[in-house]
Amino acid sequence: MIVTLSDFQTGKYELHTGMYDQDRIQNYIDLYESKYIKELLGVTLGEEFIADYQAGLLNPNFVIIFDPLSFDYNRRIYISEGMKAMLVGFLYWEIVRDYFNQMTPVGNVIPTGENSMRSTSLSSTMWDRYNEAVRNYRAIQFYVVRNAADYDCFNGQHKLYSTWL
């Protein structure tokens, strides 16, 4: 849908995308992409966003939160690199944290290399990518909540109307 294998082939989110890894990465995309969208926007609004994205991103309200976004509120700066950057960051984290362990016929193992030493999860870049995704998530979510037509603060859900911004 939004994130593709090519998003993990170059740049700061680069992963090994050999023939054995492509299906594995695609499985993570399929499993987590819509989950993070629905967690960000709520189930109903998340499904509306997914449907609108598949139709070509026609709703201008969705374009605002999909594209990079920055604003000030109460002397605090909110910056989002966009919804795609958020999703790629979260997916990168989901994939890399599972690379430290692999399931084999003999059980869960930690793979080792002959010519290199694996970094620990504490020294890997996966936490930096995760934190960037969280900052994007929070900026988008705050923008939506701040500009929502109505917000139910008792259960933390948006009351959806046709114009939610």
N, C-alpha and C. Protein backbone atom coordinates (compact mmCIF):
# COMPACT_ATOMS: atom_id res chain seq x y z
N MET A 1 0.84 -1.18 0.00
CA MET A 1 0.00 0.00 0.00
C MET A 1 0.89 1.25 0.00
N ILE A 2 1.30 1.74 1.17
CA ILE A 2 2.11 2.95 1.24
C ILE A 2 3.60 2.62 1.20
N VAL A 3 4.01 1.67 2.04
CA VAL A 3 5.41 1.27 2.14
C VAL A 3 5.67 0.11 1.19
N THR A 4 6.79 0.15 0.48
CA THR A 4 7.16 -0.91 -0.44
C THR A 4 8.56 -1.42 -0.11
N LEU A 5 8.94 -2.51 -0.71
CA LEU A 5 10.29 -3.05 -0.52
C LEU A 5 11.37 -2.06 -0.90
N SER A 6 11.12 -1.24 -1.91
CA SER A 6 12.13 -0.28 -2.36
C SER A 6 12.45 0.76 -1.29
N ASP A 7 11.55 0.98 -0.32
CA ASP A 7 11.82 1.91 0.77
C ASP A 7 12.94 1.42 1.68
N PHE A 8 13.26 0.13 1.60
CA PHE A 8 14.29 -0.46 2.45
C PHE A 8 15.55 -0.82 1.66
N GLN A 9 15.70 -0.29 0.44
CA GLN A 9 16.85 -0.65 -0.39
C GLN A 9 17.97 0.37 -0.34
N THR A 10 17.70 1.61 0.01
CA THR A 10 18.75 2.63 0.11
C THR A 10 18.42 3.58 1.25
N GLY A 11 19.39 4.38 1.61
CA GLY A 11 19.17 5.41 2.62
C GLY A 11 19.28 4.88 4.04
N LYS A 12 18.77 5.67 4.97
CA LYS A 12 18.94 5.32 6.37
C LYS A 12 18.11 4.12 6.81
N TYR A 13 17.15 3.71 6.02
CA TYR A 13 16.34 2.55 6.36
C TYR A 13 16.75 1.32 5.54
N GLU A 14 17.96 1.32 5.05
CA GLU A 14 18.42 0.24 4.18
C GLU A 14 18.52 -1.08 4.94
N LEU A 15 17.96 -2.11 4.34
CA LEU A 15 18.04 -3.47 4.85
C LEU A 15 18.52 -4.37 3.72
N HIS A 16 19.01 -5.52 4.08
CA HIS A 16 19.35 -6.50 3.05
C HIS A 16 18.05 -6.98 2.43
N THR A 17 17.93 -6.86 1.12
CA THR A 17 16.68 -7.24 0.43
C THR A 17 16.95 -8.31 -0.60
N GLY A 18 17.74 -9.31 -0.22
CA GLY A 18 18.00 -10.43 -1.12
C GLY A 18 16.75 -11.25 -1.34
N MET A 19 16.87 -12.25 -2.19
CA MET A 19 15.69 -13.04 -2.57
C MET A 19 15.05 -13.75 -1.38
N TYR A 20 15.81 -14.07 -0.35
CA TYR A 20 15.24 -14.74 0.82
C TYR A 20 14.63 -13.75 1.81
N ASP A 21 14.99 -12.50 1.71
CA ASP A 21 14.50 -11.48 2.64
C ASP A 21 13.28 -10.74 2.13
N GLN A 22 13.03 -10.73 0.84
CA GLN A 22 11.94 -9.93 0.29
C GLN A 22 10.58 -10.36 0.82
N ASP A 23 10.32 -11.66 0.84
CA ASP A 23 9.03 -12.13 1.36
C ASP A 23 8.88 -11.82 2.84
N ARG A 24 9.98 -11.94 3.57
CA ARG A 24 9.95 -11.66 5.00
C ARG A 24 9.62 -10.19 5.25
N ILE A 25 10.27 -9.29 4.53
CA ILE A 25 10.00 -7.86 4.69
C ILE A 25 8.57 -7.54 4.27
N GLN A 26 8.10 -8.11 3.18
CA GLN A 26 6.73 -7.87 2.73
C GLN A 26 5.72 -8.36 3.77
N ASN A 27 6.03 -9.46 4.44
CA ASN A 27 5.14 -9.93 5.50
C ASN A 27 5.03 -8.93 6.63
N TYR A 28 6.14 -8.30 7.00
CA TYR A 28 6.11 -7.27 8.03
C TYR A 28 5.29 -6.07 7.57
N ILE A 29 5.46 -5.67 6.33
CA ILE A 29 4.67 -4.55 5.79
C ILE A 29 3.19 -4.88 5.87
N ASP A 30 2.82 -6.06 5.40
CA ASP A 30 1.41 -6.47 5.40
C ASP A 30 0.85 -6.56 6.82
N LEU A 31 1.67 -7.00 7.75
CA LEU A 31 1.22 -7.20 9.13
C LEU A 31 1.07 -5.90 9.90
N TYR A 32 2.01 -4.97 9.73
CA TYR A 32 2.07 -3.81 10.61
C TYR A 32 1.61 -2.48 10.01
N GLU A 33 1.60 -2.33 8.70
CA GLU A 33 1.30 -1.02 8.12
C GLU A 33 -0.09 -0.52 8.51
N SER A 34 -1.12 -1.29 8.26
CA SER A 34 -2.47 -0.82 8.59
C SER A 34 -2.67 -0.74 10.10
N LYS A 35 -1.98 -1.58 10.85
CA LYS A 35 -2.06 -1.54 12.32
C LYS A 35 -1.60 -0.18 12.83
N TYR A 36 -0.45 0.30 12.35
CA TYR A 36 0.06 1.60 12.81
C TYR A 36 -0.83 2.75 12.35
N ILE A 37 -1.40 2.65 11.17
CA ILE A 37 -2.32 3.70 10.69
C ILE A 37 -3.54 3.77 11.59
N LYS A 38 -4.09 2.60 11.93
CA LYS A 38 -5.29 2.57 12.79
C LYS A 38 -4.98 2.99 14.22
N GLU A 39 -3.77 2.68 14.70
CA GLU A 39 -3.40 3.14 16.03
C GLU A 39 -3.23 4.66 16.05
N LEU A 40 -2.74 5.21 14.97
CA LEU A 40 -2.53 6.65 14.87
C LEU A 40 -3.85 7.41 14.78
N LEU A 41 -4.73 6.96 13.92
CA LEU A 41 -5.95 7.71 13.60
C LEU A 41 -7.21 7.15 14.22
N GLY A 42 -7.14 5.99 14.83
CA GLY A 42 -8.34 5.30 15.28
C GLY A 42 -8.80 4.39 14.16
N VAL A 43 -9.60 3.39 14.49
CA VAL A 43 -9.98 2.38 13.50
C VAL A 43 -10.80 2.97 12.37
N THR A 44 -11.83 3.71 12.68
CA THR A 44 -12.72 4.24 11.63
C THR A 44 -11.99 5.22 10.73
N LEU A 45 -11.33 6.19 11.32
CA LEU A 45 -10.61 7.18 10.53
C LEU A 45 -9.43 6.55 9.79
N GLY A 46 -8.79 5.56 10.42
CA GLY A 46 -7.71 4.84 9.77
C GLY A 46 -8.18 4.11 8.52
N GLU A 47 -9.33 3.46 8.62
CA GLU A 47 -9.89 2.77 7.44
C GLU A 47 -10.28 3.76 6.36
N GLU A 48 -10.80 4.93 6.76
CA GLU A 48 -11.13 5.97 5.79
C GLU A 48 -9.86 6.47 5.09
N PHE A 49 -8.79 6.64 5.87
CA PHE A 49 -7.53 7.08 5.28
C PHE A 49 -7.01 6.04 4.28
N ILE A 50 -7.03 4.76 4.65
CA ILE A 50 -6.55 3.69 3.76
C ILE A 50 -7.36 3.67 2.47
N ALA A 51 -8.67 3.78 2.58
CA ALA A 51 -9.53 3.79 1.38
C ALA A 51 -9.23 5.02 0.52
N ASP A 52 -9.05 6.17 1.15
CA ASP A 52 -8.75 7.39 0.40
C ASP A 52 -7.37 7.30 -0.25
N TYR A 53 -6.40 6.73 0.44
CA TYR A 53 -5.05 6.58 -0.13
C TYR A 53 -5.10 5.67 -1.37
N GLN A 54 -5.85 4.60 -1.28
CA GLN A 54 -5.97 3.69 -2.42
C GLN A 54 -6.69 4.33 -3.58
N ALA A 55 -7.53 5.33 -3.30
CA ALA A 55 -8.24 6.05 -4.36
C ALA A 55 -7.41 7.19 -4.94
N GLY A 56 -6.25 7.45 -4.36
CA GLY A 56 -5.39 8.51 -4.89
C GLY A 56 -5.19 9.68 -3.95
N LEU A 57 -5.51 9.52 -2.69
CA LEU A 57 -5.38 10.56 -1.67
C LEU A 57 -6.11 11.84 -2.11
N LEU A 58 -7.42 11.75 -2.14
CA LEU A 58 -8.27 12.83 -2.63
C LEU A 58 -8.69 13.82 -1.55
N ASN A 59 -8.79 13.36 -0.31
CA ASN A 59 -9.24 14.21 0.78
C ASN A 59 -8.09 15.14 1.20
N PRO A 60 -8.28 16.46 1.11
CA PRO A 60 -7.20 17.38 1.47
C PRO A 60 -6.77 17.27 2.94
N ASN A 61 -7.69 16.85 3.81
CA ASN A 61 -7.33 16.66 5.21
C ASN A 61 -6.32 15.53 5.37
N PHE A 62 -6.45 14.50 4.58
CA PHE A 62 -5.51 13.39 4.64
C PHE A 62 -4.17 13.76 4.01
N VAL A 63 -4.20 14.61 3.00
CA VAL A 63 -2.96 15.06 2.37
C VAL A 63 -2.11 15.83 3.38
N ILE A 64 -2.76 16.65 4.21
CA ILE A 64 -2.05 17.44 5.21
C ILE A 64 -1.25 16.54 6.14
N ILE A 65 -1.85 15.47 6.64
CA ILE A 65 -1.14 14.62 7.60
C ILE A 65 -0.23 13.61 6.92
N PHE A 66 -0.46 13.34 5.63
CA PHE A 66 0.41 12.41 4.91
C PHE A 66 1.74 13.07 4.55
N ASP A 67 1.68 14.33 4.16
CA ASP A 67 2.87 15.07 3.77
C ASP A 67 3.63 15.55 5.01
N PRO A 68 4.88 15.99 4.82
CA PRO A 68 5.61 16.58 5.95
C PRO A 68 4.80 17.73 6.55
N LEU A 69 4.89 17.88 7.86
CA LEU A 69 4.05 18.79 8.60
C LEU A 69 4.87 19.40 9.74
N SER A 70 4.75 20.70 9.93
CA SER A 70 5.39 21.33 11.08
C SER A 70 4.53 22.49 11.56
N PHE A 71 4.45 22.66 12.87
CA PHE A 71 3.66 23.74 13.44
C PHE A 71 4.11 23.99 14.88
N ASP A 72 3.76 25.15 15.39
CA ASP A 72 4.03 25.53 16.77
C ASP A 72 2.72 25.49 17.54
N TYR A 73 2.81 25.08 18.79
CA TYR A 73 1.65 25.16 19.67
C TYR A 73 2.16 25.30 21.10
N ASN A 74 1.73 26.35 21.78
CA ASN A 74 2.16 26.62 23.16
C ASN A 74 3.67 26.59 23.32
N ARG A 75 4.35 27.29 22.46
CA ARG A 75 5.81 27.39 22.48
C ARG A 75 6.51 26.04 22.34
N ARG A 76 5.85 25.11 21.71
CA ARG A 76 6.45 23.81 21.43
C ARG A 76 6.38 23.57 19.92
N ILE A 77 7.43 23.01 19.36
CA ILE A 77 7.50 22.76 17.92
C ILE A 77 7.17 21.31 17.65
N TYR A 78 6.27 21.09 16.70
CA TYR A 78 5.91 19.74 16.26
C TYR A 78 6.35 19.60 14.81
N ILE A 79 7.12 18.57 14.52
CA ILE A 79 7.61 18.34 13.17
C ILE A 79 7.38 16.87 12.81
N SER A 80 6.78 16.66 11.66
CA SER A 80 6.60 15.32 11.13
C SER A 80 7.19 15.28 9.73
N GLU A 81 7.95 14.26 9.45
CA GLU A 81 8.49 14.06 8.09
C GLU A 81 7.44 13.44 7.18
N GLY A 82 6.26 13.19 7.71
CA GLY A 82 5.17 12.63 6.93
C GLY A 82 4.82 11.23 7.39
N MET A 83 3.64 10.81 7.01
CA MET A 83 3.14 9.51 7.45
C MET A 83 3.97 8.36 6.89
N LYS A 84 4.45 8.49 5.65
CA LYS A 84 5.25 7.41 5.08
C LYS A 84 6.55 7.24 5.87
N ALA A 85 7.21 8.34 6.22
CA ALA A 85 8.44 8.25 7.02
C ALA A 85 8.16 7.60 8.36
N MET A 86 7.03 7.92 8.96
CA MET A 86 6.64 7.31 10.22
C MET A 86 6.49 5.81 10.06
N LEU A 87 5.77 5.39 9.03
CA LEU A 87 5.53 3.97 8.81
C LEU A 87 6.83 3.21 8.51
N VAL A 88 7.67 3.79 7.67
CA VAL A 88 8.94 3.14 7.33
C VAL A 88 9.80 2.99 8.59
N GLY A 89 9.81 4.01 9.44
CA GLY A 89 10.58 3.94 10.68
C GLY A 89 10.09 2.84 11.61
N PHE A 90 8.77 2.77 11.80
CA PHE A 90 8.22 1.71 12.65
C PHE A 90 8.46 0.33 12.05
N LEU A 91 8.29 0.18 10.74
CA LEU A 91 8.51 -1.12 10.10
C LEU A 91 9.98 -1.53 10.17
N TYR A 92 10.87 -0.58 9.96
CA TYR A 92 12.30 -0.86 10.09
C TYR A 92 12.59 -1.42 11.47
N TRP A 93 12.05 -0.78 12.49
CA TRP A 93 12.26 -1.22 13.86
C TRP A 93 11.70 -2.62 14.09
N GLU A 94 10.49 -2.88 13.60
CA GLU A 94 9.88 -4.21 13.76
C GLU A 94 10.75 -5.29 13.10
N ILE A 95 11.26 -5.00 11.92
CA ILE A 95 12.06 -5.98 11.17
C ILE A 95 13.40 -6.21 11.84
N VAL A 96 14.12 -5.12 12.13
CA VAL A 96 15.49 -5.24 12.66
C VAL A 96 15.50 -5.88 14.04
N ARG A 97 14.54 -5.56 14.88
CA ARG A 97 14.56 -6.15 16.23
C ARG A 97 14.35 -7.66 16.17
N ASP A 98 13.66 -8.14 15.14
CA ASP A 98 13.49 -9.59 15.00
C ASP A 98 14.67 -10.25 14.32
N TYR A 99 15.51 -9.48 13.63
CA TYR A 99 16.70 -10.05 13.00
C TYR A 99 17.71 -10.56 14.02
N PHE A 100 17.64 -10.07 15.25
CA PHE A 100 18.61 -10.51 16.26
C PHE A 100 18.39 -11.96 16.67
N ASN A 101 17.22 -12.47 16.39
CA ASN A 101 16.90 -13.87 16.67
C ASN A 101 16.31 -14.48 15.42
N GLN A 102 16.59 -15.75 15.21
CA GLN A 102 15.98 -16.46 14.08
C GLN A 102 15.46 -17.80 14.55
N MET A 103 14.29 -18.16 14.07
CA MET A 103 13.72 -19.45 14.40
C MET A 103 14.25 -20.48 13.41
N THR A 104 14.78 -21.56 13.92
CA THR A 104 15.32 -22.65 13.11
C THR A 104 14.70 -23.95 13.57
N PRO A 105 14.97 -25.05 12.87
CA PRO A 105 14.43 -26.35 13.31
C PRO A 105 14.88 -26.75 14.72
N VAL A 106 15.99 -26.19 15.19
CA VAL A 106 16.46 -26.53 16.54
C VAL A 106 16.01 -25.51 17.58
N GLY A 107 15.25 -24.50 17.19
CA GLY A 107 14.75 -23.51 18.12
C GLY A 107 15.19 -22.10 17.76
N ASN A 108 15.01 -21.21 18.71
CA ASN A 108 15.36 -19.81 18.52
C ASN A 108 16.86 -19.64 18.72
N VAL A 109 17.55 -19.09 17.71
CA VAL A 109 19.01 -18.95 17.78
C VAL A 109 19.40 -17.51 17.48
N ILE A 110 20.61 -17.15 17.89
CA ILE A 110 21.20 -15.87 17.54
C ILE A 110 22.23 -16.15 16.46
N PRO A 111 22.00 -15.66 15.23
CA PRO A 111 22.94 -15.95 14.16
C PRO A 111 24.28 -15.25 14.38
N THR A 112 25.35 -15.91 13.96
CA THR A 112 26.68 -15.31 14.04
C THR A 112 27.32 -15.35 12.66
N GLY A 113 28.21 -14.41 12.41
CA GLY A 113 28.92 -14.35 11.14
C GLY A 113 30.37 -14.74 11.33
N GLU A 114 30.98 -15.20 10.26
CA GLU A 114 32.38 -15.60 10.34
C GLU A 114 33.32 -14.41 10.39
N ASN A 115 33.01 -13.37 9.65
CA ASN A 115 33.94 -12.25 9.51
C ASN A 115 33.52 -10.99 10.24
N SER A 116 32.45 -11.04 10.96
CA SER A 116 32.00 -9.84 11.65
C SER A 116 31.29 -10.21 12.94
N MET A 117 31.16 -9.22 13.80
CA MET A 117 30.48 -9.42 15.06
C MET A 117 29.16 -8.64 15.01
N ARG A 118 28.10 -9.25 15.41
CA ARG A 118 26.80 -8.57 15.42
C ARG A 118 26.78 -7.51 16.50
N SER A 119 26.17 -6.38 16.18
CA SER A 119 26.01 -5.35 17.20
C SER A 119 24.88 -5.76 18.13
N THR A 120 24.91 -5.26 19.33
CA THR A 120 23.82 -5.53 20.25
C THR A 120 22.65 -4.62 19.88
N SER A 121 21.49 -4.94 20.36
CA SER A 121 20.33 -4.09 20.05
C SER A 121 20.50 -2.70 20.64
N LEU A 122 21.25 -2.58 21.72
CA LEU A 122 21.45 -1.27 22.33
C LEU A 122 22.32 -0.36 21.47
N SER A 123 23.25 -0.94 20.71
CA SER A 123 24.13 -0.11 19.89
C SER A 123 23.70 -0.05 18.43
N SER A 124 22.56 -0.60 18.11
CA SER A 124 22.10 -0.56 16.72
C SER A 124 21.34 0.73 16.47
N THR A 125 21.13 1.03 15.20
CA THR A 125 20.41 2.26 14.84
C THR A 125 18.90 2.09 14.90
N MET A 126 18.44 0.88 15.21
CA MET A 126 17.00 0.66 15.20
C MET A 126 16.28 1.54 16.21
N TRP A 127 16.91 1.87 17.33
CA TRP A 127 16.25 2.72 18.33
C TRP A 127 16.18 4.17 17.86
N ASP A 128 17.20 4.63 17.13
CA ASP A 128 17.14 5.98 16.56
C ASP A 128 16.00 6.07 15.56
N ARG A 129 15.85 5.07 14.72
CA ARG A 129 14.77 5.06 13.72
C ARG A 129 13.41 4.98 14.40
N TYR A 130 13.33 4.19 15.46
CA TYR A 130 12.08 4.07 16.21
C TYR A 130 11.71 5.43 16.83
N ASN A 131 12.67 6.09 17.45
CA ASN A 131 12.39 7.38 18.08
C ASN A 131 11.98 8.43 17.07
N GLU A 132 12.57 8.41 15.88
CA GLU A 132 12.15 9.33 14.82
C GLU A 132 10.71 9.06 14.42
N ALA A 133 10.36 7.78 14.30
CA ALA A 133 8.99 7.41 13.94
C ALA A 133 8.01 7.86 15.02
N VAL A 134 8.39 7.72 16.28
CA VAL A 134 7.53 8.16 17.38
C VAL A 134 7.31 9.67 17.33
N ARG A 135 8.36 10.44 17.05
CA ARG A 135 8.20 11.90 16.94
C ARG A 135 7.24 12.25 15.80
N ASN A 136 7.36 11.57 14.66
CA ASN A 136 6.43 11.79 13.55
C ASN A 136 5.01 11.44 13.97
N TYR A 137 4.86 10.30 14.61
CA TYR A 137 3.56 9.82 15.08
C TYR A 137 2.90 10.85 16.00
N ARG A 138 3.67 11.32 16.98
CA ARG A 138 3.11 12.27 17.95
C ARG A 138 2.73 13.59 17.31
N ALA A 139 3.51 14.08 16.37
CA ALA A 139 3.19 15.34 15.70
C ALA A 139 1.91 15.19 14.88
N ILE A 140 1.80 14.09 14.13
CA ILE A 140 0.59 13.87 13.32
C ILE A 140 -0.62 13.71 14.22
N GLN A 141 -0.49 12.90 15.25
CA GLN A 141 -1.62 12.66 16.14
C GLN A 141 -2.05 13.94 16.86
N PHE A 142 -1.11 14.73 17.32
CA PHE A 142 -1.46 15.98 18.00
C PHE A 142 -2.15 16.92 17.03
N TYR A 143 -1.68 16.97 15.79
CA TYR A 143 -2.32 17.84 14.80
C TYR A 143 -3.77 17.42 14.58
N VAL A 144 -4.01 16.13 14.44
CA VAL A 144 -5.38 15.65 14.21
C VAL A 144 -6.25 15.94 15.42
N VAL A 145 -5.75 15.64 16.61
CA VAL A 145 -6.53 15.86 17.83
C VAL A 145 -6.81 17.35 18.02
N ARG A 146 -5.81 18.17 17.82
CA ARG A 146 -5.95 19.61 18.02
C ARG A 146 -6.95 20.22 17.04
N ASN A 147 -7.03 19.66 15.86
CA ASN A 147 -7.89 20.21 14.82
C ASN A 147 -9.17 19.40 14.60
N ALA A 148 -9.44 18.45 15.46
CA ALA A 148 -10.63 17.61 15.30
C ALA A 148 -11.88 18.43 15.55
N ALA A 149 -12.96 18.09 14.86
CA ALA A 149 -14.23 18.79 15.05
C ALA A 149 -14.76 18.56 16.45
N ASP A 150 -14.55 17.39 16.97
CA ASP A 150 -14.97 17.07 18.33
C ASP A 150 -14.07 15.95 18.83
N TYR A 151 -13.77 15.97 20.09
CA TYR A 151 -12.86 14.97 20.64
C TYR A 151 -13.43 14.49 21.97
N ASP A 152 -13.57 13.21 22.11
CA ASP A 152 -14.07 12.62 23.34
C ASP A 152 -12.89 12.33 24.25
N CYS A 153 -12.64 13.21 25.21
CA CYS A 153 -11.45 13.07 26.04
C CYS A 153 -11.59 11.96 27.08
N PHE A 154 -12.77 11.39 27.25
CA PHE A 154 -12.93 10.33 28.24
C PHE A 154 -12.38 9.00 27.75
N ASN A 155 -12.53 8.72 26.46
CA ASN A 155 -11.99 7.45 25.96
C ASN A 155 -10.92 7.64 24.90
N GLY A 156 -10.53 8.88 24.64
CA GLY A 156 -9.42 9.15 23.74
C GLY A 156 -9.72 8.88 22.28
N GLN A 157 -10.96 8.90 21.87
CA GLN A 157 -11.32 8.60 20.49
C GLN A 157 -11.93 9.83 19.83
N HIS A 158 -11.69 9.92 18.54
CA HIS A 158 -12.30 11.00 17.78
C HIS A 158 -13.77 10.67 17.52
N LYS A 159 -14.61 11.68 17.65
CA LYS A 159 -15.96 11.55 17.15
C LYS A 159 -15.89 12.02 15.71
N LEU A 160 -16.11 11.13 14.78
CA LEU A 160 -15.85 11.44 13.38
C LEU A 160 -16.99 12.17 12.72
N TYR A 161 -16.63 13.19 12.01
CA TYR A 161 -17.55 13.95 11.19
C TYR A 161 -16.93 14.04 9.81
N SER A 162 -17.69 14.50 8.84
CA SER A 162 -17.16 14.56 7.49
C SER A 162 -16.02 15.57 7.39
N THR A 163 -16.01 16.60 8.22
CA THR A 163 -14.90 17.55 8.24
C THR A 163 -14.26 17.49 9.61
N TRP A 164 -13.22 16.74 9.72
CA TRP A 164 -12.58 16.56 11.03
C TRP A 164 -11.45 17.53 11.27
N LEU A 165 -11.11 18.38 10.29
CA LEU A 165 -10.10 19.41 10.53
C LEU A 165 -10.74 20.78 10.40
